[in-house]
Amino acid sequence: MIWNKDLKELIIPVITVVSTRKGFPFKLVAAALMGLIAAILQAAGGVIPGIGMVISPFSTAPIIISMLISPLFGFLSYLLTIFLLLLIQPSELIIFPFTTGSMAIGIGLGLILFNKGWKVITFSSLFLSLGIFLLLYIFQFPVLGPFLIEFKVWNIILIYSLSLLYCWFWIELILRLLRPWVRPWGRF
């Protein structure tokens, strides 16, 4: 449970090692590689029937990692993923920027900006919820199928609650992935 845990003790060593000891070419290549991996994982939903839908949500992780390298390179990786999806799998182009990608940007920024887990979870779930609301109620794209298509307060509360749970899962997963890479003295 990370609700009230201080996340900076795990995130700061990763950010300082990469930002102080790695140069611009490393960060640029890492961001491009993360964008490519995110595009391949997101496109798996349309290319590989069945199992691709299980693989597709994992396109969040490379964007979060590139956001932890640097927010600028995280946005670069996000944009690169969008352009690659335009070439690889255009049908996934409407989903990634508003749901998976925006949640990854929210989690990455939340891990950089906030100390407590509950702040990161609520911040990132706002990004995901706003993306879903844009798709459902502005663009009229049924991202959740025919379910929750009408604009009601109950639907907004339900979408935000499920976004909280989903972002909580992703933050737990990212922190578990980062934990083995950070030694107690703060090095990789």
C-alpha atoms as a PDB file:
ATOM      1  CA  MET A   1       0.000   0.000   0.000  1.00  0.00           C
ATOM      2  CA  ILE A   2       1.499   3.263  -1.121  1.00  0.00           C
ATOM      3  CA  TRP A   3      -1.284   5.628  -0.066  1.00  0.00           C
ATOM      4  CA  ASN A   4       0.708   7.512   2.568  1.00  0.00           C
ATOM      5  CA  LYS A   5       4.221   6.348   1.718  1.00  0.00           C
ATOM      6  CA  ASP A   6       6.938   8.839   0.773  1.00  0.00           C
ATOM      7  CA  LEU A   7       7.751   8.002  -2.840  1.00  0.00           C
ATOM      8  CA  LYS A   8      10.647  10.431  -3.236  1.00  0.00           C
ATOM      9  CA  GLU A   9      13.074   8.027  -1.535  1.00  0.00           C
ATOM     10  CA  LEU A  10      12.616   5.642  -4.451  1.00  0.00           C
ATOM     11  CA  ILE A  11      12.192   8.125  -7.301  1.00  0.00           C
ATOM     12  CA  ILE A  12      14.905  10.706  -6.491  1.00  0.00           C
ATOM     13  CA  PRO A  13      17.862   8.276  -6.897  1.00  0.00           C
ATOM     14  CA  VAL A  14      16.614   7.251 -10.339  1.00  0.00           C
ATOM     15  CA  ILE A  15      16.109  10.843 -11.449  1.00  0.00           C
ATOM     16  CA  THR A  16      19.441  12.105 -10.091  1.00  0.00           C
ATOM     17  CA  VAL A  17      21.510   9.286 -11.571  1.00  0.00           C
ATOM     18  CA  VAL A  18      20.011   9.709 -15.009  1.00  0.00           C
ATOM     19  CA  SER A  19      19.934  13.511 -15.004  1.00  0.00           C
ATOM     20  CA  THR A  20      23.440  14.080 -13.626  1.00  0.00           C
ATOM     21  CA  ARG A  21      25.448  11.157 -14.939  1.00  0.00           C
ATOM     22  CA  LYS A  22      23.916  10.570 -18.341  1.00  0.00           C
ATOM     23  CA  GLY A  23      24.362  12.916 -21.272  1.00  0.00           C
ATOM     24  CA  PHE A  24      21.958  14.323 -23.807  1.00  0.00           C
ATOM     25  CA  PRO A  25      22.541  11.576 -26.427  1.00  0.00           C
ATOM     26  CA  PHE A  26      21.725   8.850 -23.889  1.00  0.00           C
ATOM     27  CA  LYS A  27      18.501  10.580 -22.877  1.00  0.00           C
ATOM     28  CA  LEU A  28      17.473  11.186 -26.485  1.00  0.00           C
ATOM     29  CA  VAL A  29      18.111   7.594 -27.549  1.00  0.00           C
ATOM     30  CA  ALA A  30      16.397   6.253 -24.421  1.00  0.00           C
ATOM     31  CA  ALA A  31      13.317   8.418 -25.081  1.00  0.00           C
ATOM     32  CA  ALA A  32      13.195   7.286 -28.719  1.00  0.00           C
ATOM     33  CA  LEU A  33      13.550   3.652 -27.681  1.00  0.00           C
ATOM     34  CA  MET A  34      10.811   4.013 -25.076  1.00  0.00           C
ATOM     35  CA  GLY A  35       8.539   5.630 -27.672  1.00  0.00           C
ATOM     36  CA  LEU A  36       9.185   2.746 -30.072  1.00  0.00           C
ATOM     37  CA  ILE A  37       8.499   0.131 -27.398  1.00  0.00           C
ATOM     38  CA  ALA A  38       5.294   1.938 -26.381  1.00  0.00           C
ATOM     39  CA  ALA A  39       4.115   2.082 -30.000  1.00  0.00           C
ATOM     40  CA  ILE A  40       4.791  -1.619 -30.551  1.00  0.00           C
ATOM     41  CA  LEU A  41       2.997  -2.580 -27.336  1.00  0.00           C
ATOM     42  CA  GLN A  42       0.019  -0.330 -28.107  1.00  0.00           C
ATOM     43  CA  ALA A  43      -0.237  -1.622 -31.681  1.00  0.00           C
ATOM     44  CA  ALA A  44      -0.327  -5.197 -30.409  1.00  0.00           C
ATOM     45  CA  GLY A  45      -4.009  -4.721 -29.584  1.00  0.00           C
ATOM     46  CA  GLY A  46      -4.886  -4.378 -33.252  1.00  0.00           C
ATOM     47  CA  VAL A  47      -2.224  -6.608 -34.787  1.00  0.00           C
ATOM     48  CA  ILE A  48      -2.469  -9.696 -32.574  1.00  0.00           C
ATOM     49  CA  PRO A  49      -6.089 -10.656 -31.886  1.00  0.00           C
ATOM     50  CA  GLY A  50      -6.887 -11.748 -28.347  1.00  0.00           C
ATOM     51  CA  ILE A  51      -3.528 -11.698 -26.585  1.00  0.00           C
ATOM     52  CA  GLY A  52      -2.757  -8.291 -28.069  1.00  0.00           C
ATOM     53  CA  MET A  53      -5.453  -6.743 -25.901  1.00  0.00           C
ATOM     54  CA  VAL A  54      -3.589  -8.048 -22.854  1.00  0.00           C
ATOM     55  CA  ILE A  55      -0.255  -6.696 -24.142  1.00  0.00           C
ATOM     56  CA  SER A  56      -1.579  -3.283 -25.190  1.00  0.00           C
ATOM     57  CA  PRO A  57      -1.949  -1.684 -21.716  1.00  0.00           C
ATOM     58  CA  PHE A  58       1.747  -2.248 -21.053  1.00  0.00           C
ATOM     59  CA  SER A  59       2.538   0.635 -23.402  1.00  0.00           C
ATOM     60  CA  THR A  60       2.128   2.831 -20.321  1.00  0.00           C
ATOM     61  CA  ALA A  61       5.395   1.689 -18.723  1.00  0.00           C
ATOM     62  CA  PRO A  62       7.862   3.003 -21.352  1.00  0.00           C
ATOM     63  CA  ILE A  63       6.255   6.451 -21.292  1.00  0.00           C
ATOM     64  CA  ILE A  64       6.448   6.567 -17.474  1.00  0.00           C
ATOM     65  CA  ILE A  65      10.109   5.551 -17.572  1.00  0.00           C
ATOM     66  CA  SER A  66      10.918   8.223 -20.134  1.00  0.00           C
ATOM     67  CA  MET A  67       9.033  10.784 -18.001  1.00  0.00           C
ATOM     68  CA  LEU A  68      11.289   9.830 -15.098  1.00  0.00           C
ATOM     69  CA  ILE A  69      14.351  10.376 -17.288  1.00  0.00           C
ATOM     70  CA  SER A  70      13.115  13.903 -17.931  1.00  0.00           C
ATOM     71  CA  PRO A  71       9.644  15.394 -18.443  1.00  0.00           C
ATOM     72  CA  LEU A  72      10.785  16.906 -21.733  1.00  0.00           C
ATOM     73  CA  PHE A  73      11.932  13.529 -23.029  1.00  0.00           C
ATOM     74  CA  GLY A  74       8.745  11.961 -21.676  1.00  0.00           C
ATOM     75  CA  PHE A  75       6.641  14.291 -23.808  1.00  0.00           C
ATOM     76  CA  LEU A  76       8.961  13.602 -26.735  1.00  0.00           C
ATOM     77  CA  SER A  77       8.451   9.874 -26.274  1.00  0.00           C
ATOM     78  CA  TYR A  78       4.682  10.406 -26.035  1.00  0.00           C
ATOM     79  CA  LEU A  79       4.607  12.370 -29.307  1.00  0.00           C
ATOM     80  CA  LEU A  80       6.881   9.859 -31.031  1.00  0.00           C
ATOM     81  CA  THR A  81       4.537   7.052 -29.991  1.00  0.00           C
ATOM     82  CA  ILE A  82       1.583   8.935 -31.461  1.00  0.00           C
ATOM     83  CA  PHE A  83       3.380   9.438 -34.782  1.00  0.00           C
ATOM     84  CA  LEU A  84       4.527   5.811 -34.900  1.00  0.00           C
ATOM     85  CA  LEU A  85       0.989   4.631 -34.206  1.00  0.00           C
ATOM     86  CA  LEU A  86      -0.147   6.742 -37.143  1.00  0.00           C
ATOM     87  CA  LEU A  87       2.131   4.635 -39.346  1.00  0.00           C
ATOM     88  CA  ILE A  88       1.819   1.227 -37.663  1.00  0.00           C
ATOM     89  CA  GLN A  89      -1.776   0.985 -36.411  1.00  0.00           C
ATOM     90  CA  PRO A  90      -3.962   4.059 -37.064  1.00  0.00           C
ATOM     91  CA  SER A  91      -6.959   2.481 -35.336  1.00  0.00           C
ATOM     92  CA  GLU A  92      -5.119   2.709 -31.990  1.00  0.00           C
ATOM     93  CA  LEU A  93      -4.400   6.383 -32.553  1.00  0.00           C
ATOM     94  CA  ILE A  94      -7.610   7.589 -30.935  1.00  0.00           C
ATOM     95  CA  ILE A  95      -7.115   5.449 -27.803  1.00  0.00           C
ATOM     96  CA  PHE A  96      -3.467   6.036 -26.926  1.00  0.00           C
ATOM     97  CA  PRO A  97      -3.261   9.849 -26.684  1.00  0.00           C
ATOM     98  CA  PHE A  98      -6.341  10.159 -24.499  1.00  0.00           C
ATOM     99  CA  THR A  99      -6.147   7.108 -22.251  1.00  0.00           C
ATOM    100  CA  THR A 100      -2.934   5.102 -22.020  1.00  0.00           C
ATOM    101  CA  GLY A 101      -0.592   7.930 -22.938  1.00  0.00           C
ATOM    102  CA  SER A 102      -2.248  10.610 -20.842  1.00  0.00           C
ATOM    103  CA  MET A 103      -2.264   8.316 -17.824  1.00  0.00           C
ATOM    104  CA  ALA A 104       1.457   7.648 -18.310  1.00  0.00           C
ATOM    105  CA  ILE A 105       2.155  11.378 -18.519  1.00  0.00           C
ATOM    106  CA  GLY A 106       0.097  11.905 -15.357  1.00  0.00           C
ATOM    107  CA  ILE A 107       1.891   9.146 -13.443  1.00  0.00           C
ATOM    108  CA  GLY A 108       5.314  10.378 -14.555  1.00  0.00           C
ATOM    109  CA  LEU A 109       4.578  13.990 -13.620  1.00  0.00           C
ATOM    110  CA  GLY A 110       2.943  12.891 -10.379  1.00  0.00           C
ATOM    111  CA  LEU A 111       5.980  10.851  -9.349  1.00  0.00           C
ATOM    112  CA  ILE A 112       8.204  13.854 -10.040  1.00  0.00           C
ATOM    113  CA  LEU A 113       6.006  16.513  -8.404  1.00  0.00           C
ATOM    114  CA  PHE A 114       4.454  14.847  -5.355  1.00  0.00           C
ATOM    115  CA  ASN A 115       5.793  13.033  -2.292  1.00  0.00           C
ATOM    116  CA  LYS A 116       2.827  10.989  -1.162  1.00  0.00           C
ATOM    117  CA  GLY A 117       1.297   8.069  -3.019  1.00  0.00           C
ATOM    118  CA  TRP A 118      -2.294   9.255  -2.707  1.00  0.00           C
ATOM    119  CA  LYS A 119      -1.394  12.553  -4.381  1.00  0.00           C
ATOM    120  CA  VAL A 120       0.231  10.751  -7.299  1.00  0.00           C
ATOM    121  CA  ILE A 121      -2.750   8.424  -7.651  1.00  0.00           C
ATOM    122  CA  THR A 122      -5.337  11.203  -7.652  1.00  0.00           C
ATOM    123  CA  PHE A 123      -3.241  13.366 -10.011  1.00  0.00           C
ATOM    124  CA  SER A 124      -2.708  10.591 -12.541  1.00  0.00           C
ATOM    125  CA  SER A 125      -6.323   9.407 -12.343  1.00  0.00           C
ATOM    126  CA  LEU A 126      -7.371  12.958 -13.218  1.00  0.00           C
ATOM    127  CA  PHE A 127      -5.347  12.692 -16.435  1.00  0.00           C
ATOM    128  CA  LEU A 128      -6.894   9.333 -17.303  1.00  0.00           C
ATOM    129  CA  SER A 129     -10.433  10.441 -16.423  1.00  0.00           C
ATOM    130  CA  LEU A 130     -10.168  13.639 -18.447  1.00  0.00           C
ATOM    131  CA  GLY A 131      -8.961  11.637 -21.440  1.00  0.00           C
ATOM    132  CA  ILE A 132     -11.876   9.230 -21.142  1.00  0.00           C
ATOM    133  CA  PHE A 133     -14.323  12.118 -20.683  1.00  0.00           C
ATOM    134  CA  LEU A 134     -12.980  13.813 -23.816  1.00  0.00           C
ATOM    135  CA  LEU A 135     -13.409  10.639 -25.837  1.00  0.00           C
ATOM    136  CA  LEU A 136     -16.860   9.818 -24.451  1.00  0.00           C
ATOM    137  CA  TYR A 137     -18.556  13.177 -24.175  1.00  0.00           C
ATOM    138  CA  ILE A 138     -16.755  15.551 -26.556  1.00  0.00           C
ATOM    139  CA  PHE A 139     -15.751  13.275 -29.452  1.00  0.00           C
ATOM    140  CA  GLN A 140     -18.648  10.835 -28.862  1.00  0.00           C
ATOM    141  CA  PHE A 141     -16.257   7.878 -29.244  1.00  0.00           C
ATOM    142  CA  PRO A 142     -17.532   4.886 -27.230  1.00  0.00           C
ATOM    143  CA  VAL A 143     -14.211   3.969 -25.627  1.00  0.00           C
ATOM    144  CA  LEU A 144     -16.033   1.907 -22.990  1.00  0.00           C
ATOM    145  CA  GLY A 145     -18.478   0.413 -25.457  1.00  0.00           C
ATOM    146  CA  PRO A 146     -22.151   1.319 -25.134  1.00  0.00           C
ATOM    147  CA  PHE A 147     -21.691   1.514 -21.372  1.00  0.00           C
ATOM    148  CA  LEU A 148     -21.603   4.976 -19.681  1.00  0.00           C
ATOM    149  CA  ILE A 149     -22.219   6.897 -22.917  1.00  0.00           C
ATOM    150  CA  GLU A 150     -24.720   9.315 -21.350  1.00  0.00           C
ATOM    151  CA  PHE A 151     -23.421  12.313 -19.416  1.00  0.00           C
ATOM    152  CA  LYS A 152     -24.553  11.706 -15.837  1.00  0.00           C
ATOM    153  CA  VAL A 153     -22.976  12.451 -12.472  1.00  0.00           C
ATOM    154  CA  TRP A 154     -23.076   8.747 -11.564  1.00  0.00           C
ATOM    155  CA  ASN A 155     -21.118   7.894 -14.725  1.00  0.00           C
ATOM    156  CA  ILE A 156     -18.470  10.515 -13.950  1.00  0.00           C
ATOM    157  CA  ILE A 157     -18.062   9.218 -10.395  1.00  0.00           C
ATOM    158  CA  LEU A 158     -17.820   5.634 -11.633  1.00  0.00           C
ATOM    159  CA  ILE A 159     -15.245   6.473 -14.326  1.00  0.00           C
ATOM    160  CA  TYR A 160     -13.122   8.459 -11.871  1.00  0.00           C
ATOM    161  CA  SER A 161     -13.318   5.676  -9.258  1.00  0.00           C
ATOM    162  CA  LEU A 162     -12.217   3.057 -11.761  1.00  0.00           C
ATOM    163  CA  SER A 163      -9.468   5.411 -12.949  1.00  0.00           C
ATOM    164  CA  LEU A 164      -8.255   5.657  -9.343  1.00  0.00           C
ATOM    165  CA  LEU A 165      -8.020   1.879  -9.092  1.00  0.00           C
ATOM    166  CA  TYR A 166      -6.283   1.521 -12.459  1.00  0.00           C
ATOM    167  CA  CYS A 167      -3.734   4.241 -11.699  1.00  0.00           C
ATOM    168  CA  TRP A 168      -3.113   2.728  -8.277  1.00  0.00           C
ATOM    169  CA  PHE A 169      -2.323  -0.592  -9.956  1.00  0.00           C
ATOM    170  CA  TRP A 170       0.079   1.074 -12.396  1.00  0.00           C
ATOM    171  CA  ILE A 171       1.907   3.070  -9.739  1.00  0.00           C
ATOM    172  CA  GLU A 172       2.357  -0.075  -7.649  1.00  0.00           C
ATOM    173  CA  LEU A 173       3.689  -1.889 -10.722  1.00  0.00           C
ATOM    174  CA  ILE A 174       6.133   0.881 -11.661  1.00  0.00           C
ATOM    175  CA  LEU A 175       7.440   1.152  -8.103  1.00  0.00           C
ATOM    176  CA  ARG A 176       7.951  -2.612  -7.968  1.00  0.00           C
ATOM    177  CA  LEU A 177       9.829  -2.459 -11.273  1.00  0.00           C
ATOM    178  CA  LEU A 178      12.057   0.372 -10.058  1.00  0.00           C
ATOM    179  CA  ARG A 179      12.826  -1.076  -6.617  1.00  0.00           C
ATOM    180  CA  PRO A 180      15.444  -3.642  -7.755  1.00  0.00           C
ATOM    181  CA  TRP A 181      17.275  -1.017  -9.807  1.00  0.00           C
ATOM    182  CA  VAL A 182      17.810   1.346  -6.890  1.00  0.00           C
ATOM    183  CA  ARG A 183      20.303   0.235  -4.281  1.00  0.00           C
ATOM    184  CA  PRO A 184      20.153   1.677  -0.758  1.00  0.00           C
ATOM    185  CA  TRP A 185      22.959   4.148  -1.540  1.00  0.00           C
ATOM    186  CA  GLY A 186      21.065   5.514  -4.538  1.00  0.00           C
ATOM    187  CA  ARG A 187      22.851   4.054  -7.531  1.00  0.00           C
ATOM    188  CA  PHE A 188      21.799   1.771 -10.349  1.00  0.00           C
END
